[in-house]
C-alpha atoms as a PDB file:
ATOM      1  CA  MET A   1     -40.499  34.048 -29.793  1.00  0.00           C
ATOM      2  CA  PRO A   2     -38.661  32.564 -26.772  1.00  0.00           C
ATOM      3  CA  LEU A   3     -35.317  33.962 -25.744  1.00  0.00           C
ATOM      4  CA  PRO A   4     -32.297  31.787 -26.494  1.00  0.00           C
ATOM      5  CA  ALA A   5     -31.002  29.861 -23.512  1.00  0.00           C
ATOM      6  CA  LEU A   6     -28.003  31.359 -21.806  1.00  0.00           C
ATOM      7  CA  PRO A   7     -24.806  29.338 -21.993  1.00  0.00           C
ATOM      8  CA  THR A   8     -23.859  27.427 -18.884  1.00  0.00           C
ATOM      9  CA  TYR A   9     -21.698  29.364 -16.474  1.00  0.00           C
ATOM     10  CA  ALA A  10     -19.355  28.245 -13.719  1.00  0.00           C
ATOM     11  CA  GLU A  11     -17.676  30.678 -11.355  1.00  0.00           C
ATOM     12  CA  LEU A  12     -14.064  29.494 -11.098  1.00  0.00           C
ATOM     13  CA  HIS A  13     -12.765  31.834  -8.390  1.00  0.00           C
ATOM     14  CA  CYS A  14     -14.942  32.447  -5.368  1.00  0.00           C
ATOM     15  CA  LEU A  15     -13.792  33.368  -1.853  1.00  0.00           C
ATOM     16  CA  THR A  16     -15.749  32.533   1.289  1.00  0.00           C
ATOM     17  CA  ASN A  17     -15.612  34.266   4.646  1.00  0.00           C
ATOM     18  CA  PHE A  18     -12.684  31.957   5.462  1.00  0.00           C
ATOM     19  CA  THR A  19     -10.536  34.311   3.356  1.00  0.00           C
ATOM     20  CA  PHE A  20     -10.440  37.002   5.986  1.00  0.00           C
ATOM     21  CA  LEU A  21     -10.801  40.652   4.920  1.00  0.00           C
ATOM     22  CA  ARG A  22     -11.625  39.635   1.327  1.00  0.00           C
ATOM     23  CA  GLY A  23     -14.428  37.067   1.376  1.00  0.00           C
ATOM     24  CA  ALA A  24     -17.683  38.049   3.056  1.00  0.00           C
ATOM     25  CA  SER A  25     -20.233  35.281   2.464  1.00  0.00           C
ATOM     26  CA  HIS A  26     -20.579  31.874   4.041  1.00  0.00           C
ATOM     27  CA  ALA A  27     -19.916  28.953   1.706  1.00  0.00           C
ATOM     28  CA  GLU A  28     -23.522  27.775   2.054  1.00  0.00           C
ATOM     29  CA  GLU A  29     -24.839  31.195   0.979  1.00  0.00           C
ATOM     30  CA  LEU A  30     -22.590  31.217  -2.072  1.00  0.00           C
ATOM     31  CA  VAL A  31     -23.831  27.788  -3.154  1.00  0.00           C
ATOM     32  CA  VAL A  32     -27.487  28.793  -2.750  1.00  0.00           C
ATOM     33  CA  ARG A  33     -26.947  32.000  -4.733  1.00  0.00           C
ATOM     34  CA  ALA A  34     -25.048  30.200  -7.490  1.00  0.00           C
ATOM     35  CA  LYS A  35     -27.938  27.745  -7.818  1.00  0.00           C
ATOM     36  CA  GLU A  36     -30.455  30.615  -7.915  1.00  0.00           C
ATOM     37  CA  LEU A  37     -28.459  32.267 -10.703  1.00  0.00           C
ATOM     38  CA  GLY A  38     -28.416  29.052 -12.707  1.00  0.00           C
ATOM     39  CA  TYR A  39     -24.670  28.359 -12.463  1.00  0.00           C
ATOM     40  CA  SER A  40     -23.637  24.888 -13.571  1.00  0.00           C
ATOM     41  CA  ALA A  41     -20.777  24.800 -11.022  1.00  0.00           C
ATOM     42  CA  LEU A  42     -19.017  26.843  -8.382  1.00  0.00           C
ATOM     43  CA  ALA A  43     -15.331  26.779  -7.435  1.00  0.00           C
ATOM     44  CA  ILE A  44     -14.458  27.619  -3.849  1.00  0.00           C
ATOM     45  CA  THR A  45     -10.915  29.013  -3.926  1.00  0.00           C
ATOM     46  CA  ASP A  46     -10.100  30.488  -0.533  1.00  0.00           C
ATOM     47  CA  GLU A  47      -6.649  31.965  -0.018  1.00  0.00           C
ATOM     48  CA  CYS A  48      -4.172  29.204   0.919  1.00  0.00           C
ATOM     49  CA  SER A  49      -6.981  27.222   2.484  1.00  0.00           C
ATOM     50  CA  LEU A  50      -9.553  24.542   1.886  1.00  0.00           C
ATOM     51  CA  ALA A  51     -11.565  25.635   4.925  1.00  0.00           C
ATOM     52  CA  GLY A  52     -14.701  26.632   3.025  1.00  0.00           C
ATOM     53  CA  VAL A  53     -15.020  23.507   0.908  1.00  0.00           C
ATOM     54  CA  VAL A  54     -16.515  21.210   3.547  1.00  0.00           C
ATOM     55  CA  ARG A  55     -19.522  23.448   4.138  1.00  0.00           C
ATOM     56  CA  ALA A  56     -19.747  24.186   0.421  1.00  0.00           C
ATOM     57  CA  HIS A  57     -19.728  20.455  -0.372  1.00  0.00           C
ATOM     58  CA  VAL A  58     -22.646  19.763   1.969  1.00  0.00           C
ATOM     59  CA  ALA A  59     -24.639  22.668   0.513  1.00  0.00           C
ATOM     60  CA  ALA A  60     -23.764  21.819  -3.097  1.00  0.00           C
ATOM     61  CA  LYS A  61     -24.877  18.231  -2.611  1.00  0.00           C
ATOM     62  CA  ALA A  62     -28.165  19.376  -1.057  1.00  0.00           C
ATOM     63  CA  HIS A  63     -28.831  21.818  -3.929  1.00  0.00           C
ATOM     64  CA  GLY A  64     -27.584  19.702  -6.815  1.00  0.00           C
ATOM     65  CA  LEU A  65     -24.740  22.032  -7.785  1.00  0.00           C
ATOM     66  CA  LYS A  66     -21.355  20.801  -8.968  1.00  0.00           C
ATOM     67  CA  LEU A  67     -18.574  21.948  -6.631  1.00  0.00           C
ATOM     68  CA  ILE A  68     -15.021  22.559  -7.825  1.00  0.00           C
ATOM     69  CA  ILE A  69     -12.389  22.595  -5.114  1.00  0.00           C
ATOM     70  CA  GLY A  70      -9.401  24.882  -5.330  1.00  0.00           C
ATOM     71  CA  THR A  71      -7.295  27.515  -3.665  1.00  0.00           C
ATOM     72  CA  GLU A  72      -5.672  30.839  -4.417  1.00  0.00           C
ATOM     73  CA  VAL A  73      -1.931  30.987  -3.795  1.00  0.00           C
ATOM     74  CA  GLN A  74       0.596  33.770  -3.957  1.00  0.00           C
ATOM     75  CA  VAL A  75       3.880  32.682  -5.503  1.00  0.00           C
ATOM     76  CA  GLU A  76       6.793  34.157  -3.602  1.00  0.00           C
ATOM     77  CA  ASP A  77       7.897  37.235  -5.574  1.00  0.00           C
ATOM     78  CA  GLY A  78       5.435  36.330  -8.295  1.00  0.00           C
ATOM     79  CA  PRO A  79       1.812  36.212  -9.398  1.00  0.00           C
ATOM     80  CA  LYS A  80      -1.264  34.943  -7.630  1.00  0.00           C
ATOM     81  CA  LEU A  81      -2.507  31.663  -9.040  1.00  0.00           C
ATOM     82  CA  VAL A  82      -5.852  29.933  -8.730  1.00  0.00           C
ATOM     83  CA  LEU A  83      -5.333  26.185  -8.551  1.00  0.00           C
ATOM     84  CA  LEU A  84      -8.333  23.932  -9.242  1.00  0.00           C
ATOM     85  CA  ALA A  85      -8.481  20.250  -8.398  1.00  0.00           C
ATOM     86  CA  THR A  86      -9.328  18.085 -11.389  1.00  0.00           C
ATOM     87  CA  ASN A  87      -9.094  14.748  -9.565  1.00  0.00           C
ATOM     88  CA  ARG A  88      -8.174  13.236  -6.181  1.00  0.00           C
ATOM     89  CA  GLU A  89      -4.458  13.455  -6.861  1.00  0.00           C
ATOM     90  CA  SER A  90      -4.563  17.165  -7.681  1.00  0.00           C
ATOM     91  CA  TYR A  91      -6.749  17.708  -4.593  1.00  0.00           C
ATOM     92  CA  GLY A  92      -3.961  16.099  -2.572  1.00  0.00           C
ATOM     93  CA  HIS A  93      -1.380  18.414  -4.124  1.00  0.00           C
ATOM     94  CA  ILE A  94      -3.527  21.474  -3.381  1.00  0.00           C
ATOM     95  CA  SER A  95      -4.048  20.250   0.176  1.00  0.00           C
ATOM     96  CA  THR A  96      -0.288  19.908   0.642  1.00  0.00           C
ATOM     97  CA  LEU A  97       0.361  23.385  -0.772  1.00  0.00           C
ATOM     98  CA  SER A  98      -2.292  24.985   1.420  1.00  0.00           C
ATOM     99  CA  THR A  99      -0.778  23.270   4.456  1.00  0.00           C
ATOM    100  CA  ARG A 100       2.762  24.498   3.720  1.00  0.00           C
ATOM    101  CA  ALA A 101       1.915  28.025   2.613  1.00  0.00           C
ATOM    102  CA  PRO A 102       0.756  29.484   5.962  1.00  0.00           C
ATOM    103  CA  ALA A 103       4.082  28.436   7.494  1.00  0.00           C
ATOM    104  CA  ALA A 104       5.790  30.565   4.853  1.00  0.00           C
ATOM    105  CA  GLY A 105       3.641  33.652   5.352  1.00  0.00           C
ATOM    106  CA  LYS A 106       0.930  32.431   2.933  1.00  0.00           C
ATOM    107  CA  ARG A 107       3.399  32.304   0.062  1.00  0.00           C
ATOM    108  CA  VAL A 108       4.378  29.288  -1.971  1.00  0.00           C
ATOM    109  CA  VAL A 109       7.700  28.923  -3.664  1.00  0.00           C
ATOM    110  CA  SER A 110       8.399  27.535  -7.086  1.00  0.00           C
ATOM    111  CA  VAL A 111       9.720  24.222  -5.809  1.00  0.00           C
ATOM    112  CA  ASP A 112       6.353  23.489  -4.188  1.00  0.00           C
ATOM    113  CA  LEU A 113       4.571  24.126  -7.473  1.00  0.00           C
ATOM    114  CA  ARG A 114       7.008  21.796  -9.215  1.00  0.00           C
ATOM    115  CA  ARG A 115       6.243  19.047  -6.696  1.00  0.00           C
ATOM    116  CA  SER A 116       2.516  19.487  -7.143  1.00  0.00           C
ATOM    117  CA  GLY A 117       2.196  18.296 -10.705  1.00  0.00           C
ATOM    118  CA  THR A 118       3.952  16.239 -13.307  1.00  0.00           C
ATOM    119  CA  GLU A 119       7.132  15.222 -11.489  1.00  0.00           C
ATOM    120  CA  SER A 120       5.674  11.807 -10.704  1.00  0.00           C
ATOM    121  CA  GLY A 121       4.593  11.390 -14.329  1.00  0.00           C
ATOM    122  CA  SER A 122       0.976  12.331 -13.692  1.00  0.00           C
ATOM    123  CA  GLN A 123      -0.887  15.093 -15.480  1.00  0.00           C
ATOM    124  CA  SER A 124      -2.953  16.377 -12.575  1.00  0.00           C
ATOM    125  CA  GLY A 125      -4.035  19.825 -11.545  1.00  0.00           C
ATOM    126  CA  ALA A 126      -3.504  23.107 -13.329  1.00  0.00           C
ATOM    127  CA  HIS A 127      -0.156  22.128 -14.877  1.00  0.00           C
ATOM    128  CA  ALA A 128       1.645  24.080 -12.166  1.00  0.00           C
ATOM    129  CA  PRO A 129       5.147  22.968 -13.166  1.00  0.00           C
ATOM    130  CA  GLU A 130       4.748  24.432 -16.653  1.00  0.00           C
ATOM    131  CA  LEU A 131       3.407  27.698 -15.234  1.00  0.00           C
ATOM    132  CA  CYS A 132       6.284  27.788 -12.804  1.00  0.00           C
ATOM    133  CA  GLN A 133       8.858  27.183 -15.535  1.00  0.00           C
ATOM    134  CA  ARG A 134       7.397  29.919 -17.748  1.00  0.00           C
ATOM    135  CA  TYR A 135       7.465  32.331 -14.815  1.00  0.00           C
ATOM    136  CA  GLN A 136      11.081  31.448 -14.057  1.00  0.00           C
ATOM    137  CA  ARG A 137      12.142  31.936 -17.686  1.00  0.00           C
ATOM    138  CA  ARG A 138      10.375  35.286 -17.885  1.00  0.00           C
ATOM    139  CA  HIS A 139      11.695  36.621 -14.579  1.00  0.00           C
ATOM    140  CA  GLY A 140      15.034  34.808 -14.364  1.00  0.00           C
ATOM    141  CA  GLN A 141      14.449  33.502 -10.852  1.00  0.00           C
ATOM    142  CA  SER A 142      15.758  30.180  -9.638  1.00  0.00           C
ATOM    143  CA  VAL A 143      13.840  27.516  -7.762  1.00  0.00           C
ATOM    144  CA  HIS A 144      14.522  27.529  -4.026  1.00  0.00           C
ATOM    145  CA  ARG A 145      13.132  25.889  -0.904  1.00  0.00           C
ATOM    146  CA  TYR A 146      11.599  27.394   2.221  1.00  0.00           C
ATOM    147  CA  GLY A 147      14.191  28.823   4.559  1.00  0.00           C
ATOM    148  CA  GLU A 148      16.976  29.096   1.976  1.00  0.00           C
END
């Protein structure tokens, strides 16, 4: 009797060697290994950076693996979040966040998460504004801008 097929699996939080001191493998190696393990997709989510996604994209295309682009951000005085791009617009928001965060010590503030989602009426990304609002209600912190 044959074994039942395993359900499809996608790793949604994977760091490359571009996340210094935490990620060890090159993006290309991660893609090859994910394909060998039968993953249906792989998300590259380096810390406050999209640096690993270019190499991962080339490798994923060559190996027929779906690539999910994202980043890991640390909310100032709050939790770490993994943000995954669901379309071009959310990719743009993630790109903007990852550009601003290093200037603020690799931290993002709530106002940046608010800007990166539904303010313009779109429903892109990981619904960051709602996450931000829940965090603010729970911890009683106000929204502020860099340098304030």
